[in-house]
C-alpha atoms as a PDB file:
ATOM      1  CA  MET A   1     -92.986  -5.320  87.497  1.00  0.00           C
ATOM      2  CA  THR A   2     -96.747  -5.885  87.466  1.00  0.00           C
ATOM      3  CA  VAL A   3     -98.387  -9.124  88.575  1.00  0.00           C
ATOM      4  CA  ASP A   4     -99.366  -9.792  84.951  1.00  0.00           C
ATOM      5  CA  ASP A   5     -95.747  -9.418  83.835  1.00  0.00           C
ATOM      6  CA  ALA A   6     -94.503 -11.597  86.682  1.00  0.00           C
ATOM      7  CA  LEU A   7     -97.053 -14.304  85.902  1.00  0.00           C
ATOM      8  CA  ARG A   8     -95.983 -14.404  82.259  1.00  0.00           C
ATOM      9  CA  ARG A   9     -92.330 -14.619  83.235  1.00  0.00           C
ATOM     10  CA  LEU A  10     -92.940 -17.342  85.805  1.00  0.00           C
ATOM     11  CA  GLN A  11     -95.024 -19.358  83.345  1.00  0.00           C
ATOM     12  CA  GLN A  12     -92.216 -19.122  80.806  1.00  0.00           C
ATOM     13  CA  LEU A  13     -89.644 -20.365  83.314  1.00  0.00           C
ATOM     14  CA  LEU A  14     -91.825 -23.017  84.960  1.00  0.00           C
ATOM     15  CA  PRO A  15     -94.943 -23.793  82.877  1.00  0.00           C
ATOM     16  CA  LEU A  16     -96.548 -26.126  85.404  1.00  0.00           C
ATOM     17  CA  ALA A  17    -100.149 -25.747  84.234  1.00  0.00           C
ATOM     18  CA  GLU A  18     -99.147 -26.322  80.608  1.00  0.00           C
ATOM     19  CA  ARG A  19     -97.103 -29.368  81.554  1.00  0.00           C
ATOM     20  CA  GLN A  20     -99.982 -30.759  83.587  1.00  0.00           C
ATOM     21  CA  ARG A  21    -102.395 -30.298  80.673  1.00  0.00           C
ATOM     22  CA  ASP A  22    -100.033 -32.266  78.436  1.00  0.00           C
ATOM     23  CA  LEU A  23    -100.014 -35.308  80.735  1.00  0.00           C
ATOM     24  CA  ASP A  24    -101.972 -38.478  80.113  1.00  0.00           C
ATOM     25  CA  PRO A  25    -105.317 -38.107  81.935  1.00  0.00           C
ATOM     26  CA  GLU A  26    -104.375 -40.713  84.558  1.00  0.00           C
ATOM     27  CA  PHE A  27    -101.185 -38.857  85.418  1.00  0.00           C
ATOM     28  CA  ARG A  28    -103.009 -35.524  85.560  1.00  0.00           C
ATOM     29  CA  VAL A  29    -105.415 -37.023  88.075  1.00  0.00           C
ATOM     30  CA  ALA A  30    -102.489 -38.457  90.061  1.00  0.00           C
ATOM     31  CA  HIS A  31    -100.755 -35.078  90.152  1.00  0.00           C
ATOM     32  CA  ARG A  32    -103.838 -33.358  91.556  1.00  0.00           C
ATOM     33  CA  ALA A  33    -104.231 -36.153  94.094  1.00  0.00           C
ATOM     34  CA  ILE A  34    -100.628 -35.721  95.250  1.00  0.00           C
ATOM     35  CA  LEU A  35    -101.242 -32.003  95.817  1.00  0.00           C
ATOM     36  CA  ARG A  36    -104.397 -32.735  97.830  1.00  0.00           C
ATOM     37  CA  PHE A  37    -102.518 -35.394  99.805  1.00  0.00           C
ATOM     38  CA  PHE A  38    -100.091 -32.773 101.142  1.00  0.00           C
ATOM     39  CA  VAL A  39    -102.992 -30.721 102.492  1.00  0.00           C
ATOM     40  CA  GLU A  40    -104.877 -33.685 103.893  1.00  0.00           C
ATOM     41  CA  HIS A  41    -101.869 -35.383 105.534  1.00  0.00           C
ATOM     42  CA  GLY A  42     -99.124 -32.763 105.842  1.00  0.00           C
ATOM     43  CA  ARG A  43     -96.582 -34.965 104.086  1.00  0.00           C
ATOM     44  CA  SER A  44     -95.675 -36.403 100.719  1.00  0.00           C
ATOM     45  CA  PRO A  45     -97.347 -39.679  99.734  1.00  0.00           C
ATOM     46  CA  GLU A  46     -95.553 -42.996  99.730  1.00  0.00           C
ATOM     47  CA  SER A  47     -95.231 -44.874  96.452  1.00  0.00           C
ATOM     48  CA  SER A  48     -97.955 -47.334  97.520  1.00  0.00           C
ATOM     49  CA  GLU A  49    -100.290 -44.397  98.117  1.00  0.00           C
ATOM     50  CA  ILE A  50     -99.445 -42.867  94.746  1.00  0.00           C
ATOM     51  CA  SER A  51    -100.197 -46.219  93.131  1.00  0.00           C
ATOM     52  CA  ARG A  52    -103.828 -45.843  94.205  1.00  0.00           C
ATOM     53  CA  MET A  53    -103.910 -42.363  92.639  1.00  0.00           C
ATOM     54  CA  ALA A  54    -102.635 -43.438  89.228  1.00  0.00           C
ATOM     55  CA  ALA A  55    -105.851 -45.048  87.971  1.00  0.00           C
ATOM     56  CA  GLY A  56    -104.267 -48.391  87.181  1.00  0.00           C
ATOM     57  CA  ARG A  57    -101.036 -47.085  85.664  1.00  0.00           C
ATOM     58  CA  GLU A  58     -97.782 -48.496  87.077  1.00  0.00           C
ATOM     59  CA  VAL A  59     -96.561 -46.258  89.905  1.00  0.00           C
ATOM     60  CA  MET A  60     -93.017 -45.782  88.601  1.00  0.00           C
ATOM     61  CA  GLU A  61     -94.398 -44.865  85.193  1.00  0.00           C
ATOM     62  CA  ALA A  62     -96.503 -42.177  86.868  1.00  0.00           C
ATOM     63  CA  LEU A  63     -93.616 -40.896  88.962  1.00  0.00           C
ATOM     64  CA  ARG A  64     -91.262 -40.751  85.976  1.00  0.00           C
ATOM     65  CA  ALA A  65     -93.826 -38.840  83.941  1.00  0.00           C
ATOM     66  CA  LEU A  66     -94.399 -36.287  86.694  1.00  0.00           C
ATOM     67  CA  ALA A  67     -90.716 -35.906  87.595  1.00  0.00           C
ATOM     68  CA  LEU A  68     -89.697 -35.548  83.951  1.00  0.00           C
ATOM     69  CA  GLN A  69     -91.935 -32.491  83.696  1.00  0.00           C
ATOM     70  CA  ASP A  70     -90.695 -31.129  87.056  1.00  0.00           C
ATOM     71  CA  LEU A  71     -94.205 -31.365  88.453  1.00  0.00           C
ATOM     72  CA  ILE A  72     -92.867 -33.360  91.382  1.00  0.00           C
ATOM     73  CA  VAL A  73     -89.438 -33.703  92.979  1.00  0.00           C
ATOM     74  CA  TYR A  74     -88.514 -37.378  93.247  1.00  0.00           C
ATOM     75  CA  ASP A  75     -85.539 -38.636  95.223  1.00  0.00           C
ATOM     76  CA  ALA A  76     -84.235 -41.757  93.500  1.00  0.00           C
ATOM     77  CA  LYS A  77     -82.028 -42.735  96.451  1.00  0.00           C
ATOM     78  CA  SER A  78     -84.864 -42.938  98.940  1.00  0.00           C
ATOM     79  CA  GLU A  79     -87.393 -43.808  96.209  1.00  0.00           C
ATOM     80  CA  ARG A  80     -89.723 -41.150  97.587  1.00  0.00           C
ATOM     81  CA  THR A  81     -91.601 -38.176  96.268  1.00  0.00           C
ATOM     82  CA  ILE A  82     -90.299 -35.290  98.351  1.00  0.00           C
ATOM     83  CA  GLY A  83     -92.124 -32.401  96.754  1.00  0.00           C
ATOM     84  CA  ALA A  84     -94.887 -31.220  94.455  1.00  0.00           C
ATOM     85  CA  TYR A  85     -94.955 -27.484  93.843  1.00  0.00           C
ATOM     86  CA  PRO A  86     -95.856 -25.613  96.048  1.00  0.00           C
ATOM     87  CA  PHE A  87     -95.175 -28.244  98.778  1.00  0.00           C
ATOM     88  CA  THR A  88     -92.017 -29.993  99.886  1.00  0.00           C
ATOM     89  CA  SER A  89     -91.053 -32.434 102.610  1.00  0.00           C
ATOM     90  CA  GLU A  90     -87.571 -30.925 102.581  1.00  0.00           C
ATOM     91  CA  GLU A  91     -86.874 -28.303 105.234  1.00  0.00           C
ATOM     92  CA  THR A  92     -86.993 -24.811 103.768  1.00  0.00           C
ATOM     93  CA  PRO A  93     -87.264 -21.343 105.363  1.00  0.00           C
ATOM     94  CA  HIS A  94     -91.038 -21.444 104.793  1.00  0.00           C
ATOM     95  CA  ARG A  95     -93.022 -23.586 107.228  1.00  0.00           C
ATOM     96  CA  LEU A  96     -96.755 -24.008 106.663  1.00  0.00           C
ATOM     97  CA  THR A  97     -99.359 -24.979 109.248  1.00  0.00           C
ATOM     98  CA  PHE A  98    -102.945 -25.777 108.280  1.00  0.00           C
ATOM     99  CA  GLY A  99    -105.388 -27.574 110.536  1.00  0.00           C
ATOM    100  CA  ARG A 100    -103.489 -30.298 112.393  1.00  0.00           C
ATOM    101  CA  HIS A 101    -100.752 -30.556 109.791  1.00  0.00           C
ATOM    102  CA  SER A 102     -97.475 -28.833 108.998  1.00  0.00           C
ATOM    103  CA  THR A 103     -95.125 -29.045 106.051  1.00  0.00           C
ATOM    104  CA  HIS A 104     -92.918 -26.681 104.044  1.00  0.00           C
ATOM    105  CA  ALA A 105     -93.319 -24.602 100.911  1.00  0.00           C
ATOM    106  CA  MET A 106     -90.618 -24.374  98.287  1.00  0.00           C
ATOM    107  CA  CYS A 107     -90.547 -20.564  98.274  1.00  0.00           C
ATOM    108  CA  ALA A 108     -92.351 -17.454  99.488  1.00  0.00           C
ATOM    109  CA  VAL A 109     -94.699 -17.268  96.499  1.00  0.00           C
ATOM    110  CA  ASP A 110     -95.506 -20.971  96.895  1.00  0.00           C
ATOM    111  CA  ALA A 111     -96.258 -20.472 100.587  1.00  0.00           C
ATOM    112  CA  LEU A 112     -98.764 -17.712  99.834  1.00  0.00           C
ATOM    113  CA  ALA A 113    -100.474 -19.825  97.149  1.00  0.00           C
ATOM    114  CA  VAL A 114    -101.574 -22.730  99.353  1.00  0.00           C
ATOM    115  CA  SER A 115    -104.531 -21.009 101.025  1.00  0.00           C
ATOM    116  CA  PRO A 116    -106.065 -19.810  97.717  1.00  0.00           C
ATOM    117  CA  MET A 117    -105.515 -23.259  96.191  1.00  0.00           C
ATOM    118  CA  PHE A 118    -107.434 -25.173  98.844  1.00  0.00           C
ATOM    119  CA  GLY A 119    -109.493 -22.585 100.740  1.00  0.00           C
ATOM    120  CA  VAL A 120    -107.893 -23.466 104.074  1.00  0.00           C
ATOM    121  CA  GLU A 121    -106.464 -21.130 106.681  1.00  0.00           C
ATOM    122  CA  VAL A 122    -102.674 -21.268 106.548  1.00  0.00           C
ATOM    123  CA  VAL A 123    -100.064 -19.895 108.914  1.00  0.00           C
ATOM    124  CA  ILE A 124     -96.704 -19.237 107.248  1.00  0.00           C
ATOM    125  CA  GLU A 125     -93.635 -19.007 109.467  1.00  0.00           C
ATOM    126  CA  SER A 126     -90.561 -17.742 107.669  1.00  0.00           C
ATOM    127  CA  SER A 127     -87.814 -15.151 108.008  1.00  0.00           C
ATOM    128  CA  CYS A 128     -86.381 -12.175 106.193  1.00  0.00           C
ATOM    129  CA  HIS A 129     -83.837 -13.312 103.626  1.00  0.00           C
ATOM    130  CA  VAL A 130     -81.578 -10.343 104.453  1.00  0.00           C
ATOM    131  CA  THR A 131     -81.936  -9.750 108.205  1.00  0.00           C
ATOM    132  CA  SER A 132     -83.173 -13.184 109.384  1.00  0.00           C
ATOM    133  CA  ALA A 133     -85.945 -11.405 111.313  1.00  0.00           C
ATOM    134  CA  PRO A 134     -88.965 -13.681 111.906  1.00  0.00           C
ATOM    135  CA  ILE A 135     -91.888 -13.199 109.518  1.00  0.00           C
ATOM    136  CA  SER A 136     -95.322 -14.750 109.865  1.00  0.00           C
ATOM    137  CA  VAL A 137     -98.444 -14.513 107.750  1.00  0.00           C
ATOM    138  CA  ARG A 138    -101.879 -15.875 108.640  1.00  0.00           C
ATOM    139  CA  GLN A 139    -104.029 -16.147 105.561  1.00  0.00           C
ATOM    140  CA  LEU A 140    -107.408 -17.418 104.385  1.00  0.00           C
ATOM    141  CA  GLY A 141    -107.740 -17.535 100.628  1.00  0.00           C
ATOM    142  CA  SER A 142    -106.552 -14.191  99.313  1.00  0.00           C
ATOM    143  CA  GLU A 143    -107.290 -12.449 102.614  1.00  0.00           C
ATOM    144  CA  ILE A 144    -104.429 -11.544 104.923  1.00  0.00           C
ATOM    145  CA  LEU A 145    -105.640 -12.089 108.487  1.00  0.00           C
ATOM    146  CA  GLU A 146    -102.460 -11.202 110.350  1.00  0.00           C
ATOM    147  CA  THR A 147     -98.809 -10.496 109.611  1.00  0.00           C
ATOM    148  CA  GLN A 148     -95.664  -9.979 111.634  1.00  0.00           C
ATOM    149  CA  PRO A 149     -93.699  -7.766 111.919  1.00  0.00           C
ATOM    150  CA  SER A 150     -96.119  -5.671 109.810  1.00  0.00           C
ATOM    151  CA  ARG A 151     -98.218  -5.629 106.659  1.00  0.00           C
ATOM    152  CA  ASP A 152     -95.288  -3.976 104.900  1.00  0.00           C
ATOM    153  CA  VAL A 153     -93.590  -7.362 104.389  1.00  0.00           C
ATOM    154  CA  ARG A 154     -92.387  -7.721 100.822  1.00  0.00           C
ATOM    155  CA  VAL A 155     -91.713 -10.695  98.552  1.00  0.00           C
ATOM    156  CA  GLY A 156     -88.630 -10.621  96.343  1.00  0.00           C
ATOM    157  CA  VAL A 157     -87.929 -12.690  93.241  1.00  0.00           C
ATOM    158  CA  LEU A 158     -84.511 -13.093  91.655  1.00  0.00           C
ATOM    159  CA  TRP A 159     -85.375 -14.320  88.171  1.00  0.00           C
ATOM    160  CA  GLN A 160     -83.173 -17.105  86.861  1.00  0.00           C
ATOM    161  CA  SER A 161     -83.233 -20.299  84.849  1.00  0.00           C
ATOM    162  CA  THR A 162     -84.768 -23.344  86.499  1.00  0.00           C
ATOM    163  CA  LYS A 163     -81.911 -25.576  85.253  1.00  0.00           C
ATOM    164  CA  GLY A 164     -84.068 -28.701  85.292  1.00  0.00           C
ATOM    165  CA  CYS A 165     -85.409 -28.588  88.867  1.00  0.00           C
ATOM    166  CA  ALA A 166     -86.822 -25.247  89.953  1.00  0.00           C
ATOM    167  CA  ALA A 167     -87.078 -26.357  93.583  1.00  0.00           C
ATOM    168  CA  HIS A 168     -83.316 -26.157  94.014  1.00  0.00           C
ATOM    169  CA  ASN A 169     -82.556 -22.899  92.174  1.00  0.00           C
ATOM    170  CA  LEU A 170     -85.379 -20.513  91.182  1.00  0.00           C
ATOM    171  CA  CYS A 171     -87.407 -21.326  94.289  1.00  0.00           C
ATOM    172  CA  THR A 172     -84.537 -20.585  96.643  1.00  0.00           C
ATOM    173  CA  GLU A 173     -84.526 -16.995  95.381  1.00  0.00           C
ATOM    174  CA  MET A 174     -88.242 -16.247  95.880  1.00  0.00           C
ATOM    175  CA  ILE A 175     -88.054 -14.781  99.339  1.00  0.00           C
ATOM    176  CA  PHE A 176     -89.656 -12.788 102.135  1.00  0.00           C
ATOM    177  CA  LEU A 177     -88.205  -9.385 103.098  1.00  0.00           C
ATOM    178  CA  ARG A 178     -89.202  -7.656 106.315  1.00  0.00           C
ATOM    179  CA  GLY A 179     -90.147  -4.274 104.839  1.00  0.00           C
ATOM    180  CA  PRO A 180     -89.727  -1.691 102.058  1.00  0.00           C
ATOM    181  CA  GLU A 181     -86.325  -0.421 103.162  1.00  0.00           C
ATOM    182  CA  THR A 182     -84.806  -3.889 103.419  1.00  0.00           C
ATOM    183  CA  ALA A 183     -86.434  -4.814 100.120  1.00  0.00           C
ATOM    184  CA  SER A 184     -84.995  -1.761  98.379  1.00  0.00           C
ATOM    185  CA  ASP A 185     -81.510  -2.535  99.701  1.00  0.00           C
ATOM    186  CA  TRP A 186     -81.823  -6.117  98.433  1.00  0.00           C
ATOM    187  CA  GLN A 187     -82.971  -5.032  94.983  1.00  0.00           C
ATOM    188  CA  GLN A 188     -80.593  -2.166  94.299  1.00  0.00           C
ATOM    189  CA  ASP A 189     -77.632  -4.195  93.023  1.00  0.00           C
ATOM    190  CA  ASP A 190     -79.668  -5.901  90.260  1.00  0.00           C
ATOM    191  CA  GLU A 191     -82.946  -4.135  89.533  1.00  0.00           C
ATOM    192  CA  GLU A 192     -83.168  -5.775  86.107  1.00  0.00           C
ATOM    193  CA  ASN A 193     -83.425  -9.296  87.542  1.00  0.00           C
ATOM    194  CA  LYS A 194     -84.837  -8.625  91.004  1.00  0.00           C
ATOM    195  CA  SER A 195     -88.544  -7.861  91.381  1.00  0.00           C
ATOM    196  CA  LEU A 196     -90.466  -6.790  94.475  1.00  0.00           C
ATOM    197  CA  PHE A 197     -94.104  -7.395  95.382  1.00  0.00           C
ATOM    198  CA  THR A 198     -96.381  -6.461  98.242  1.00  0.00           C
ATOM    199  CA  LEU A 199     -98.064  -9.336 100.066  1.00  0.00           C
ATOM    200  CA  PRO A 200    -101.385  -8.875  98.192  1.00  0.00           C
ATOM    201  CA  GLU A 201     -99.512  -8.815  94.879  1.00  0.00           C
ATOM    202  CA  ALA A 202     -97.542 -11.955  95.770  1.00  0.00           C
ATOM    203  CA  ILE A 203    -100.729 -13.739  96.849  1.00  0.00           C
ATOM    204  CA  GLU A 204    -102.360 -12.836  93.531  1.00  0.00           C
ATOM    205  CA  LEU A 205     -99.297 -14.070  91.636  1.00  0.00           C
ATOM    206  CA  GLY A 206     -99.217 -17.348  93.550  1.00  0.00           C
ATOM    207  CA  ALA A 207    -102.943 -17.934  93.208  1.00  0.00           C
ATOM    208  CA  ARG A 208    -103.036 -17.257  89.472  1.00  0.00           C
ATOM    209  CA  PHE A 209    -100.046 -19.523  88.935  1.00  0.00           C
ATOM    210  CA  PHE A 210    -101.056 -22.455  91.157  1.00  0.00           C
ATOM    211  CA  VAL A 211    -104.855 -22.601  91.386  1.00  0.00           C
ATOM    212  CA  PRO A 212    -105.176 -23.956  87.807  1.00  0.00           C
ATOM    213  CA  LEU A 213    -103.253 -27.038  88.958  1.00  0.00           C
ATOM    214  CA  VAL A 214    -106.122 -28.118  91.205  1.00  0.00           C
ATOM    215  CA  GLU A 215    -108.997 -27.062  88.962  1.00  0.00           C
ATOM    216  CA  GLU A 216    -110.219 -29.390  86.244  1.00  0.00           C
ATOM    217  CA  PRO A 217    -110.448 -27.313  83.042  1.00  0.00           C
ATOM    218  CA  ALA A 218    -113.941 -27.076  81.560  1.00  0.00           C
ATOM    219  CA  GLY A 219    -114.511 -29.867  79.089  1.00  0.00           C
ATOM    220  CA  ALA A 220    -111.326 -31.748  80.019  1.00  0.00           C
ATOM    221  CA  ALA A 221    -111.337 -35.481  80.541  1.00  0.00           C
ATOM    222  CA  SER A 222    -111.008 -36.398  84.181  1.00  0.00           C
ATOM    223  CA  GLY A 223    -109.357 -39.734  83.543  1.00  0.00           C
END
């Protein structure tokens, strides 16, 4: 599968940029602010902090609008925002470190998208989905600075329905694999629904999918 094909398929399953464009301007601004907050603070914002992002709109109204479109993951029990693709405060296999802060990404593609989104150096610490071998990637923008165990690390995607919240299904099956042989073994039982990408391909996929979320479209109202 090419990156173009993968991008189209991912946008069909999880049309985040389209959903963001359809928001009221105040909520669109709030969504971008939540994404920046993760990078600036290494955590999800509290409701009081989101209130300041919502340009005068009631905070629960903003949260409901964003959660309804699966742009954020909101935990009603704790009354907290716990994620905003590509970030999550939940523990996942994909730990991100940037500057003085650390948090988690929802999946392997998400992890590789953060550096292109914000132009910051990111260290990803993860593991092979099949062998549990440690995997690390140090990245600046679309440039791979360092990888372990080698540059032959692959990213696998098992395509499936998002079923309402992609963070807890589709994202769990977008994974790192330690190398071509392991990746081939993983893919062979379902080549129709399992796709493999090199690290540069996965970075391109993540960047093309996520960067529009933090860029104000030309001519759009800023709210």
